[in-house]
Each structure stands twice: as structure tokens, then as C-alpha cells.
Amino acid sequence: MDRIIITAILVSLDALFVGMSLKLQKGFKLIYLFIIASIILTTSAAAYFVAGAIVQYITFETSVLVGAAFLILGIRSLFDKDEDKMAMTAGTIAVLGLIMSIDGVVATTALTIEHGKVFLTPFFMPSGHLLFMLAGCCIAKFIKTSHKVHNIISASCLFLIALLNFADIL
């Protein structure tokens, strides 16, 4: 259970900067954060049930797959586009929620395959994202951050998760 909580925190850390970015936008509404968290919950729950159904058919070392998935997400994170210039529309918020849910889906799938069906797993991902987005909104009142700093911190967290999974192999 500790690994699940730590992973949820690390995967959600980039949400701190998303919250800061959103708060700095004209037309920001707090409900946007809850919409994003709802999307992440829905996708994480789907990943949980799919992973639970296929886990018995997986015969290779899952830590390699999980580590590689987080490594790819970390690399992707370094090259994310600048979110500071996005327009505040319902479509933009929905797309942002789907993009942010990728990390949660990978983490939920990996954790379900690796540790079995721990019922609370899909709830930790959106909870972590929501808390970090709210914290980001609070911080945005005082600090402005560059998009490059956001990418580096997000990628570092994902690389750490990848390393933890690769360490399981050794």
C-alpha cells in the first residue's frame, strides 16, 4: 500500500504546476480542477478493471514494462508544449484532464498488475492530482514558474518511478 501512495504522489506532482498554470489564466474557475480530477478517476478506474482482468495472462517481468512506461512518460514530459497560453474552454479542460490522466492510467495499470487489485488504487491518482492542483493554485498567488521548470520536475518524478521499477528486477 505504501508503494501505491508514493507512486500516486510522484505521478501527481506535475499537477502542482498545472494548478499554478490554470490559476494564472483569465477565466479560471475552481470547478475546472474537479472536472479534471473526475476524468482522471474515470480513466484510472477503467485501467484498474482492465488490468485486473488481464493480469493472469501476463507472463513476463512486469517491472520492465512498468519501468519502460514511466521512462517514456518522463521523456514525453520534458517535451510538453507550453500550457501557459491555453484558452479556458470546456474542450481545453477536458483535453487537459485526458492528458493528465495518462500518467494515472499507466500507474494504476502497473500497480494493479504488480500488487493485485487493491481497491483504493484508482482513487489515489485523482486525489493526488486534485490536491496538487489546489496547492498549485495557492502557490500561483505568490510565485510564477517557467514551463521548463515544470517539465524538469515532472520528468524527474517519472524517472524516479521508472528507476524504482527497474530496481525491482535486480
N, C-alpha and C. Protein backbone atom coordinates (compact mmCIF):
# COMPACT_ATOMS: atom_id res chain seq x y z
N MET A 1 0.83 -1.20 0.00
CA MET A 1 0.00 0.00 0.00
C MET A 1 0.87 1.26 0.00
N ASP A 2 2.03 1.20 0.69
CA ASP A 2 2.91 2.37 0.71
C ASP A 2 3.40 2.71 -0.69
N ARG A 3 3.71 1.70 -1.47
CA ARG A 3 4.20 1.91 -2.84
C ARG A 3 3.12 2.58 -3.69
N ILE A 4 1.88 2.20 -3.46
CA ILE A 4 0.76 2.78 -4.21
C ILE A 4 0.63 4.27 -3.88
N ILE A 5 0.71 4.61 -2.61
CA ILE A 5 0.58 6.01 -2.19
C ILE A 5 1.76 6.84 -2.70
N ILE A 6 2.98 6.31 -2.58
CA ILE A 6 4.16 7.03 -3.06
C ILE A 6 4.07 7.25 -4.57
N THR A 7 3.66 6.22 -5.30
CA THR A 7 3.52 6.36 -6.75
C THR A 7 2.47 7.41 -7.09
N ALA A 8 1.35 7.40 -6.39
CA ALA A 8 0.29 8.39 -6.65
C ALA A 8 0.81 9.80 -6.41
N ILE A 9 1.61 9.98 -5.38
CA ILE A 9 2.16 11.30 -5.08
C ILE A 9 3.14 11.72 -6.19
N LEU A 10 4.05 10.82 -6.56
CA LEU A 10 5.04 11.16 -7.58
C LEU A 10 4.40 11.41 -8.94
N VAL A 11 3.42 10.60 -9.30
CA VAL A 11 2.74 10.77 -10.59
C VAL A 11 1.93 12.07 -10.61
N SER A 12 1.46 12.49 -9.46
CA SER A 12 0.60 13.66 -9.38
C SER A 12 1.36 14.97 -9.20
N LEU A 13 2.65 14.90 -8.98
CA LEU A 13 3.41 16.11 -8.68
C LEU A 13 3.32 17.17 -9.77
N ASP A 14 3.25 16.73 -11.03
CA ASP A 14 3.16 17.71 -12.11
C ASP A 14 1.86 18.49 -12.05
N ALA A 15 0.85 17.95 -11.38
CA ALA A 15 -0.42 18.65 -11.22
C ALA A 15 -0.26 19.95 -10.44
N LEU A 16 0.78 20.03 -9.61
CA LEU A 16 1.06 21.26 -8.88
C LEU A 16 1.28 22.40 -9.87
N PHE A 17 2.04 22.11 -10.91
CA PHE A 17 2.35 23.15 -11.90
C PHE A 17 1.17 23.38 -12.85
N VAL A 18 0.38 22.36 -13.09
CA VAL A 18 -0.83 22.55 -13.88
C VAL A 18 -1.79 23.47 -13.12
N GLY A 19 -1.92 23.22 -11.81
CA GLY A 19 -2.77 24.09 -10.98
C GLY A 19 -2.29 25.53 -11.00
N MET A 20 -0.97 25.71 -10.93
CA MET A 20 -0.42 27.06 -10.99
C MET A 20 -0.72 27.70 -12.34
N SER A 21 -0.52 26.94 -13.40
CA SER A 21 -0.77 27.45 -14.75
C SER A 21 -2.23 27.82 -14.94
N LEU A 22 -3.12 26.95 -14.50
CA LEU A 22 -4.56 27.23 -14.65
C LEU A 22 -4.97 28.46 -13.86
N LYS A 23 -4.47 28.58 -12.65
CA LYS A 23 -4.84 29.71 -11.79
C LYS A 23 -4.44 31.04 -12.41
N LEU A 24 -3.35 31.03 -13.18
CA LEU A 24 -2.86 32.26 -13.79
C LEU A 24 -3.62 32.64 -15.06
N GLN A 25 -4.53 31.79 -15.51
CA GLN A 25 -5.30 32.04 -16.72
C GLN A 25 -6.51 32.93 -16.42
N LYS A 26 -6.87 33.76 -17.38
CA LYS A 26 -8.11 34.53 -17.25
C LYS A 26 -9.28 33.56 -17.37
N GLY A 27 -10.29 33.76 -16.59
CA GLY A 27 -11.48 32.91 -16.67
C GLY A 27 -11.37 31.62 -15.87
N PHE A 28 -10.34 31.49 -15.03
CA PHE A 28 -10.18 30.28 -14.23
C PHE A 28 -11.35 30.11 -13.26
N LYS A 29 -11.84 28.88 -13.16
CA LYS A 29 -12.87 28.54 -12.19
C LYS A 29 -12.42 27.29 -11.46
N LEU A 30 -12.66 27.23 -10.17
CA LEU A 30 -12.25 26.10 -9.33
C LEU A 30 -12.87 24.78 -9.82
N ILE A 31 -14.04 24.84 -10.40
CA ILE A 31 -14.71 23.63 -10.89
C ILE A 31 -13.87 22.90 -11.93
N TYR A 32 -12.99 23.63 -12.64
CA TYR A 32 -12.14 23.00 -13.64
C TYR A 32 -11.27 21.92 -13.02
N LEU A 33 -10.78 22.18 -11.82
CA LEU A 33 -9.92 21.19 -11.15
C LEU A 33 -10.71 19.91 -10.84
N PHE A 34 -11.95 20.07 -10.45
CA PHE A 34 -12.78 18.90 -10.13
C PHE A 34 -13.18 18.14 -11.40
N ILE A 35 -13.34 18.85 -12.49
CA ILE A 35 -13.62 18.17 -13.76
C ILE A 35 -12.41 17.33 -14.18
N ILE A 36 -11.22 17.92 -14.07
CA ILE A 36 -10.00 17.19 -14.41
C ILE A 36 -9.85 15.96 -13.51
N ALA A 37 -10.06 16.13 -12.21
CA ALA A 37 -9.95 15.01 -11.28
C ALA A 37 -10.98 13.92 -11.59
N SER A 38 -12.17 14.30 -12.02
CA SER A 38 -13.20 13.33 -12.39
C SER A 38 -12.78 12.51 -13.61
N ILE A 39 -12.17 13.17 -14.56
CA ILE A 39 -11.67 12.47 -15.76
C ILE A 39 -10.57 11.48 -15.36
N ILE A 40 -9.68 11.92 -14.48
CA ILE A 40 -8.59 11.05 -14.02
C ILE A 40 -9.16 9.85 -13.25
N LEU A 41 -10.18 10.08 -12.42
CA LEU A 41 -10.82 8.99 -11.69
C LEU A 41 -11.44 7.97 -12.65
N THR A 42 -12.14 8.46 -13.65
CA THR A 42 -12.79 7.59 -14.62
C THR A 42 -11.78 6.74 -15.38
N THR A 43 -10.72 7.37 -15.87
CA THR A 43 -9.72 6.62 -16.63
C THR A 43 -8.92 5.67 -15.73
N SER A 44 -8.63 6.09 -14.50
CA SER A 44 -7.90 5.22 -13.57
C SER A 44 -8.75 4.01 -13.18
N ALA A 45 -10.04 4.22 -12.97
CA ALA A 45 -10.93 3.10 -12.64
C ALA A 45 -11.01 2.11 -13.80
N ALA A 46 -11.10 2.63 -15.02
CA ALA A 46 -11.12 1.75 -16.19
C ALA A 46 -9.82 0.95 -16.28
N ALA A 47 -8.69 1.61 -16.06
CA ALA A 47 -7.39 0.92 -16.10
C ALA A 47 -7.31 -0.15 -15.02
N TYR A 48 -7.85 0.15 -13.86
CA TYR A 48 -7.86 -0.81 -12.74
C TYR A 48 -8.61 -2.08 -13.12
N PHE A 49 -9.78 -1.93 -13.69
CA PHE A 49 -10.59 -3.11 -14.04
C PHE A 49 -10.00 -3.89 -15.21
N VAL A 50 -9.46 -3.18 -16.19
CA VAL A 50 -8.83 -3.86 -17.33
C VAL A 50 -7.59 -4.61 -16.86
N ALA A 51 -6.75 -3.96 -16.09
CA ALA A 51 -5.52 -4.60 -15.60
C ALA A 51 -5.86 -5.81 -14.72
N GLY A 52 -6.88 -5.67 -13.90
CA GLY A 52 -7.30 -6.80 -13.05
C GLY A 52 -7.77 -7.98 -13.88
N ALA A 53 -8.36 -7.71 -15.02
CA ALA A 53 -8.86 -8.78 -15.88
C ALA A 53 -7.75 -9.47 -16.66
N ILE A 54 -6.70 -8.73 -17.01
CA ILE A 54 -5.65 -9.33 -17.85
C ILE A 54 -4.44 -9.81 -17.07
N VAL A 55 -4.36 -9.51 -15.78
CA VAL A 55 -3.16 -9.83 -15.00
C VAL A 55 -2.80 -11.32 -15.06
N GLN A 56 -3.76 -12.19 -15.11
CA GLN A 56 -3.47 -13.62 -15.13
C GLN A 56 -2.84 -14.08 -16.44
N TYR A 57 -2.96 -13.27 -17.49
CA TYR A 57 -2.41 -13.64 -18.79
C TYR A 57 -1.01 -13.07 -19.04
N ILE A 58 -0.52 -12.29 -18.11
CA ILE A 58 0.80 -11.67 -18.28
C ILE A 58 1.85 -12.58 -17.66
N THR A 59 2.83 -12.96 -18.48
CA THR A 59 3.81 -13.93 -18.01
C THR A 59 5.23 -13.39 -17.94
N PHE A 60 5.51 -12.17 -18.43
CA PHE A 60 6.86 -11.64 -18.39
C PHE A 60 7.04 -10.74 -17.18
N GLU A 61 8.26 -10.32 -16.97
CA GLU A 61 8.59 -9.46 -15.84
C GLU A 61 7.92 -8.09 -16.01
N THR A 62 6.89 -7.83 -15.21
CA THR A 62 6.13 -6.60 -15.38
C THR A 62 6.93 -5.36 -15.01
N SER A 63 7.93 -5.50 -14.15
CA SER A 63 8.71 -4.33 -13.75
C SER A 63 9.43 -3.71 -14.95
N VAL A 64 9.82 -4.52 -15.92
CA VAL A 64 10.45 -3.99 -17.13
C VAL A 64 9.45 -3.13 -17.90
N LEU A 65 8.26 -3.64 -18.09
CA LEU A 65 7.21 -2.90 -18.80
C LEU A 65 6.84 -1.62 -18.06
N VAL A 66 6.66 -1.74 -16.76
CA VAL A 66 6.27 -0.58 -15.95
C VAL A 66 7.38 0.47 -15.97
N GLY A 67 8.61 0.04 -15.75
CA GLY A 67 9.74 0.98 -15.78
C GLY A 67 9.85 1.67 -17.12
N ALA A 68 9.71 0.91 -18.20
CA ALA A 68 9.79 1.49 -19.55
C ALA A 68 8.66 2.49 -19.78
N ALA A 69 7.46 2.17 -19.31
CA ALA A 69 6.32 3.09 -19.49
C ALA A 69 6.57 4.41 -18.78
N PHE A 70 7.07 4.35 -17.55
CA PHE A 70 7.34 5.60 -16.83
C PHE A 70 8.53 6.35 -17.42
N LEU A 71 9.50 5.63 -17.95
CA LEU A 71 10.62 6.27 -18.61
C LEU A 71 10.14 7.04 -19.84
N ILE A 72 9.27 6.42 -20.62
CA ILE A 72 8.70 7.09 -21.79
C ILE A 72 7.88 8.31 -21.38
N LEU A 73 7.09 8.18 -20.32
CA LEU A 73 6.31 9.33 -19.84
C LEU A 73 7.22 10.46 -19.37
N GLY A 74 8.35 10.10 -18.74
CA GLY A 74 9.30 11.12 -18.29
C GLY A 74 9.91 11.86 -19.46
N ILE A 75 10.28 11.12 -20.48
CA ILE A 75 10.84 11.75 -21.69
C ILE A 75 9.79 12.65 -22.34
N ARG A 76 8.55 12.15 -22.44
CA ARG A 76 7.45 12.95 -23.01
C ARG A 76 7.26 14.23 -22.21
N SER A 77 7.40 14.13 -20.92
CA SER A 77 7.20 15.26 -20.02
C SER A 77 8.20 16.39 -20.29
N LEU A 78 9.41 16.01 -20.70
CA LEU A 78 10.42 17.03 -20.98
C LEU A 78 10.07 17.86 -22.20
N PHE A 79 9.25 17.31 -23.10
CA PHE A 79 8.95 17.99 -24.35
C PHE A 79 7.50 18.46 -24.44
N ASP A 80 6.79 18.51 -23.31
CA ASP A 80 5.41 19.01 -23.32
C ASP A 80 5.37 20.43 -23.85
N LYS A 81 4.27 20.76 -24.49
CA LYS A 81 4.06 22.11 -25.00
C LYS A 81 3.73 23.04 -23.85
N ASP A 82 3.92 24.31 -24.08
CA ASP A 82 3.66 25.33 -23.07
C ASP A 82 2.16 25.42 -22.80
N GLU A 83 1.78 25.20 -21.53
CA GLU A 83 0.36 25.25 -21.17
C GLU A 83 -0.08 26.66 -20.76
N ASP A 84 0.88 27.58 -20.64
CA ASP A 84 0.54 28.91 -20.15
C ASP A 84 -0.32 29.70 -21.12
N LYS A 85 -0.41 29.28 -22.38
CA LYS A 85 -1.14 30.06 -23.37
C LYS A 85 -2.45 29.41 -23.79
N MET A 86 -2.94 28.45 -23.00
CA MET A 86 -4.16 27.77 -23.41
C MET A 86 -5.40 28.60 -23.08
N ALA A 87 -6.41 28.46 -23.89
CA ALA A 87 -7.67 29.16 -23.66
C ALA A 87 -8.51 28.35 -22.68
N MET A 88 -9.28 29.04 -21.87
CA MET A 88 -10.12 28.37 -20.88
C MET A 88 -11.48 28.03 -21.49
N THR A 89 -11.55 26.89 -22.15
CA THR A 89 -12.81 26.41 -22.69
C THR A 89 -13.08 25.03 -22.11
N ALA A 90 -14.31 24.57 -22.20
CA ALA A 90 -14.66 23.25 -21.70
C ALA A 90 -13.85 22.16 -22.42
N GLY A 91 -13.67 22.34 -23.72
CA GLY A 91 -12.89 21.38 -24.50
C GLY A 91 -11.44 21.32 -24.05
N THR A 92 -10.85 22.48 -23.78
CA THR A 92 -9.47 22.54 -23.32
C THR A 92 -9.32 21.85 -21.98
N ILE A 93 -10.25 22.08 -21.08
CA ILE A 93 -10.19 21.46 -19.75
C ILE A 93 -10.34 19.95 -19.88
N ALA A 94 -11.25 19.48 -20.74
CA ALA A 94 -11.44 18.04 -20.94
C ALA A 94 -10.18 17.39 -21.53
N VAL A 95 -9.58 18.05 -22.52
CA VAL A 95 -8.36 17.51 -23.13
C VAL A 95 -7.23 17.51 -22.10
N LEU A 96 -7.11 18.56 -21.32
CA LEU A 96 -6.10 18.61 -20.27
C LEU A 96 -6.30 17.47 -19.27
N GLY A 97 -7.56 17.22 -18.91
CA GLY A 97 -7.86 16.10 -18.00
C GLY A 97 -7.44 14.77 -18.59
N LEU A 98 -7.70 14.57 -19.88
CA LEU A 98 -7.30 13.32 -20.55
C LEU A 98 -5.78 13.18 -20.62
N ILE A 99 -5.11 14.27 -20.93
CA ILE A 99 -3.65 14.23 -21.00
C ILE A 99 -3.07 13.93 -19.62
N MET A 100 -3.59 14.59 -18.61
CA MET A 100 -3.09 14.36 -17.26
C MET A 100 -3.42 12.95 -16.77
N SER A 101 -4.47 12.35 -17.30
CA SER A 101 -4.85 11.02 -16.84
C SER A 101 -3.94 9.92 -17.38
N ILE A 102 -3.13 10.23 -18.40
CA ILE A 102 -2.24 9.21 -18.96
C ILE A 102 -1.33 8.65 -17.88
N ASP A 103 -0.71 9.52 -17.09
CA ASP A 103 0.16 9.07 -16.01
C ASP A 103 -0.59 8.19 -15.02
N GLY A 104 -1.80 8.62 -14.66
CA GLY A 104 -2.61 7.86 -13.71
C GLY A 104 -3.02 6.50 -14.24
N VAL A 105 -3.32 6.45 -15.54
CA VAL A 105 -3.71 5.17 -16.16
C VAL A 105 -2.53 4.21 -16.16
N VAL A 106 -1.36 4.71 -16.56
CA VAL A 106 -0.17 3.85 -16.56
C VAL A 106 0.15 3.38 -15.15
N ALA A 107 0.11 4.30 -14.19
CA ALA A 107 0.42 3.93 -12.81
C ALA A 107 -0.60 2.95 -12.24
N THR A 108 -1.88 3.20 -12.48
CA THR A 108 -2.92 2.31 -11.97
C THR A 108 -2.80 0.92 -12.58
N THR A 109 -2.59 0.88 -13.89
CA THR A 109 -2.42 -0.41 -14.56
C THR A 109 -1.22 -1.16 -14.00
N ALA A 110 -0.10 -0.46 -13.89
CA ALA A 110 1.13 -1.09 -13.40
C ALA A 110 0.97 -1.58 -11.96
N LEU A 111 0.41 -0.75 -11.12
CA LEU A 111 0.24 -1.13 -9.71
C LEU A 111 -0.74 -2.29 -9.55
N THR A 112 -1.78 -2.31 -10.37
CA THR A 112 -2.74 -3.40 -10.30
C THR A 112 -2.10 -4.71 -10.75
N ILE A 113 -1.31 -4.65 -11.81
CA ILE A 113 -0.63 -5.85 -12.29
C ILE A 113 0.41 -6.31 -11.27
N GLU A 114 1.13 -5.35 -10.70
CA GLU A 114 2.24 -5.68 -9.81
C GLU A 114 1.76 -6.11 -8.41
N HIS A 115 0.76 -5.45 -7.88
CA HIS A 115 0.34 -5.69 -6.49
C HIS A 115 -1.03 -6.33 -6.36
N GLY A 116 -1.69 -6.60 -7.46
CA GLY A 116 -3.03 -7.16 -7.40
C GLY A 116 -4.06 -6.05 -7.27
N LYS A 117 -5.30 -6.45 -7.15
CA LYS A 117 -6.39 -5.48 -7.11
C LYS A 117 -6.55 -4.91 -5.70
N VAL A 118 -5.91 -3.79 -5.47
CA VAL A 118 -6.09 -3.04 -4.23
C VAL A 118 -7.14 -1.99 -4.55
N PHE A 119 -8.31 -2.12 -3.96
CA PHE A 119 -9.49 -1.36 -4.38
C PHE A 119 -9.27 0.15 -4.42
N LEU A 120 -8.48 0.70 -3.52
CA LEU A 120 -8.32 2.15 -3.46
C LEU A 120 -7.35 2.71 -4.50
N THR A 121 -6.64 1.86 -5.22
CA THR A 121 -5.64 2.32 -6.18
C THR A 121 -6.17 3.38 -7.14
N PRO A 122 -7.31 3.16 -7.81
CA PRO A 122 -7.74 4.20 -8.76
C PRO A 122 -8.19 5.50 -8.10
N PHE A 123 -8.44 5.49 -6.79
CA PHE A 123 -8.85 6.71 -6.11
C PHE A 123 -7.67 7.57 -5.69
N PHE A 124 -6.49 6.95 -5.52
CA PHE A 124 -5.32 7.72 -5.13
C PHE A 124 -4.84 8.65 -6.23
N MET A 125 -4.96 8.22 -7.48
CA MET A 125 -4.46 9.05 -8.59
C MET A 125 -5.21 10.38 -8.70
N PRO A 126 -6.55 10.38 -8.80
CA PRO A 126 -7.23 11.68 -8.91
C PRO A 126 -7.13 12.50 -7.62
N SER A 127 -7.08 11.82 -6.48
CA SER A 127 -6.96 12.54 -5.21
C SER A 127 -5.63 13.29 -5.16
N GLY A 128 -4.56 12.60 -5.54
CA GLY A 128 -3.25 13.25 -5.57
C GLY A 128 -3.22 14.41 -6.55
N HIS A 129 -3.78 14.19 -7.74
CA HIS A 129 -3.81 15.26 -8.75
C HIS A 129 -4.61 16.46 -8.23
N LEU A 130 -5.76 16.21 -7.64
CA LEU A 130 -6.60 17.31 -7.16
C LEU A 130 -5.89 18.09 -6.06
N LEU A 131 -5.30 17.39 -5.11
CA LEU A 131 -4.60 18.08 -4.01
C LEU A 131 -3.43 18.91 -4.53
N PHE A 132 -2.66 18.35 -5.47
CA PHE A 132 -1.54 19.11 -6.02
C PHE A 132 -2.01 20.28 -6.87
N MET A 133 -3.11 20.11 -7.61
CA MET A 133 -3.63 21.25 -8.40
C MET A 133 -4.11 22.36 -7.47
N LEU A 134 -4.77 22.00 -6.37
CA LEU A 134 -5.21 23.01 -5.41
C LEU A 134 -4.02 23.72 -4.78
N ALA A 135 -2.99 22.95 -4.44
CA ALA A 135 -1.78 23.55 -3.89
C ALA A 135 -1.13 24.48 -4.92
N GLY A 136 -1.13 24.05 -6.18
CA GLY A 136 -0.57 24.89 -7.24
C GLY A 136 -1.31 26.20 -7.38
N CYS A 137 -2.62 26.14 -7.24
CA CYS A 137 -3.43 27.38 -7.30
C CYS A 137 -3.05 28.32 -6.17
N CYS A 138 -2.83 27.77 -4.99
CA CYS A 138 -2.44 28.60 -3.84
C CYS A 138 -1.05 29.22 -4.06
N ILE A 139 -0.13 28.42 -4.56
CA ILE A 139 1.23 28.91 -4.80
C ILE A 139 1.24 29.96 -5.90
N ALA A 140 0.37 29.80 -6.90
CA ALA A 140 0.35 30.73 -8.04
C ALA A 140 0.05 32.16 -7.61
N LYS A 141 -0.57 32.32 -6.48
CA LYS A 141 -0.84 33.67 -5.99
C LYS A 141 0.46 34.41 -5.65
N PHE A 142 1.51 33.63 -5.34
CA PHE A 142 2.76 34.23 -4.87
C PHE A 142 3.95 34.05 -5.80
N ILE A 143 3.95 32.98 -6.58
CA ILE A 143 5.13 32.64 -7.38
C ILE A 143 4.72 32.36 -8.81
N LYS A 144 5.51 32.82 -9.75
CA LYS A 144 5.33 32.44 -11.15
C LYS A 144 6.48 31.52 -11.51
N THR A 145 6.18 30.45 -12.21
CA THR A 145 7.20 29.48 -12.59
C THR A 145 7.28 29.36 -14.10
N SER A 146 8.45 28.99 -14.57
CA SER A 146 8.59 28.81 -16.02
C SER A 146 8.12 27.41 -16.39
N HIS A 147 7.72 27.28 -17.65
CA HIS A 147 7.24 25.99 -18.14
C HIS A 147 8.37 24.96 -18.12
N LYS A 148 9.61 25.39 -18.35
CA LYS A 148 10.75 24.47 -18.37
C LYS A 148 10.96 23.85 -16.99
N VAL A 149 10.80 24.61 -15.93
CA VAL A 149 10.93 24.08 -14.57
C VAL A 149 9.86 23.02 -14.34
N HIS A 150 8.65 23.29 -14.78
CA HIS A 150 7.56 22.32 -14.67
C HIS A 150 7.93 21.01 -15.35
N ASN A 151 8.45 21.09 -16.58
CA ASN A 151 8.82 19.88 -17.33
C ASN A 151 9.92 19.09 -16.64
N ILE A 152 10.91 19.78 -16.12
CA ILE A 152 12.04 19.10 -15.47
C ILE A 152 11.59 18.39 -14.20
N ILE A 153 10.78 19.04 -13.39
CA ILE A 153 10.30 18.41 -12.16
C ILE A 153 9.39 17.23 -12.48
N SER A 154 8.49 17.41 -13.42
CA SER A 154 7.58 16.33 -13.82
C SER A 154 8.36 15.13 -14.34
N ALA A 155 9.32 15.38 -15.22
CA ALA A 155 10.13 14.28 -15.78
C ALA A 155 10.95 13.60 -14.69
N SER A 156 11.51 14.37 -13.77
CA SER A 156 12.30 13.78 -12.69
C SER A 156 11.48 12.83 -11.84
N CYS A 157 10.26 13.20 -11.54
CA CYS A 157 9.38 12.33 -10.77
C CYS A 157 9.10 11.03 -11.52
N LEU A 158 8.81 11.13 -12.80
CA LEU A 158 8.52 9.95 -13.61
C LEU A 158 9.77 9.07 -13.76
N PHE A 159 10.95 9.69 -13.89
CA PHE A 159 12.19 8.91 -13.97
C PHE A 159 12.42 8.17 -12.65
N LEU A 160 12.10 8.81 -11.52
CA LEU A 160 12.25 8.16 -10.22
C LEU A 160 11.36 6.92 -10.13
N ILE A 161 10.13 7.03 -10.60
CA ILE A 161 9.23 5.87 -10.59
C ILE A 161 9.79 4.77 -11.49
N ALA A 162 10.32 5.15 -12.66
CA ALA A 162 10.91 4.16 -13.56
C ALA A 162 12.08 3.45 -12.88
N LEU A 163 12.93 4.21 -12.22
CA LEU A 163 14.08 3.61 -11.52
C LEU A 163 13.63 2.66 -10.42
N LEU A 164 12.59 3.03 -9.68
CA LEU A 164 12.06 2.14 -8.63
C LEU A 164 11.60 0.82 -9.23
N ASN A 165 10.97 0.89 -10.39
CA ASN A 165 10.50 -0.34 -11.04
C ASN A 165 11.66 -1.16 -11.59
N PHE A 166 12.67 -0.50 -12.16
CA PHE A 166 13.83 -1.24 -12.66
C PHE A 166 14.60 -1.86 -11.50
N ALA A 167 14.60 -1.20 -10.34
CA ALA A 167 15.28 -1.74 -9.17
C ALA A 167 14.63 -3.04 -8.69
N ASP A 168 13.33 -3.20 -8.93
CA ASP A 168 12.63 -4.43 -8.56
C ASP A 168 13.20 -5.65 -9.29
N ILE A 169 13.75 -5.41 -10.48
CA ILE A 169 14.27 -6.51 -11.29
C ILE A 169 15.56 -7.06 -10.69
N LEU A 170 16.38 -6.16 -10.13
CA LEU A 170 17.70 -6.55 -9.59
C LEU A 170 17.62 -7.33 -8.33
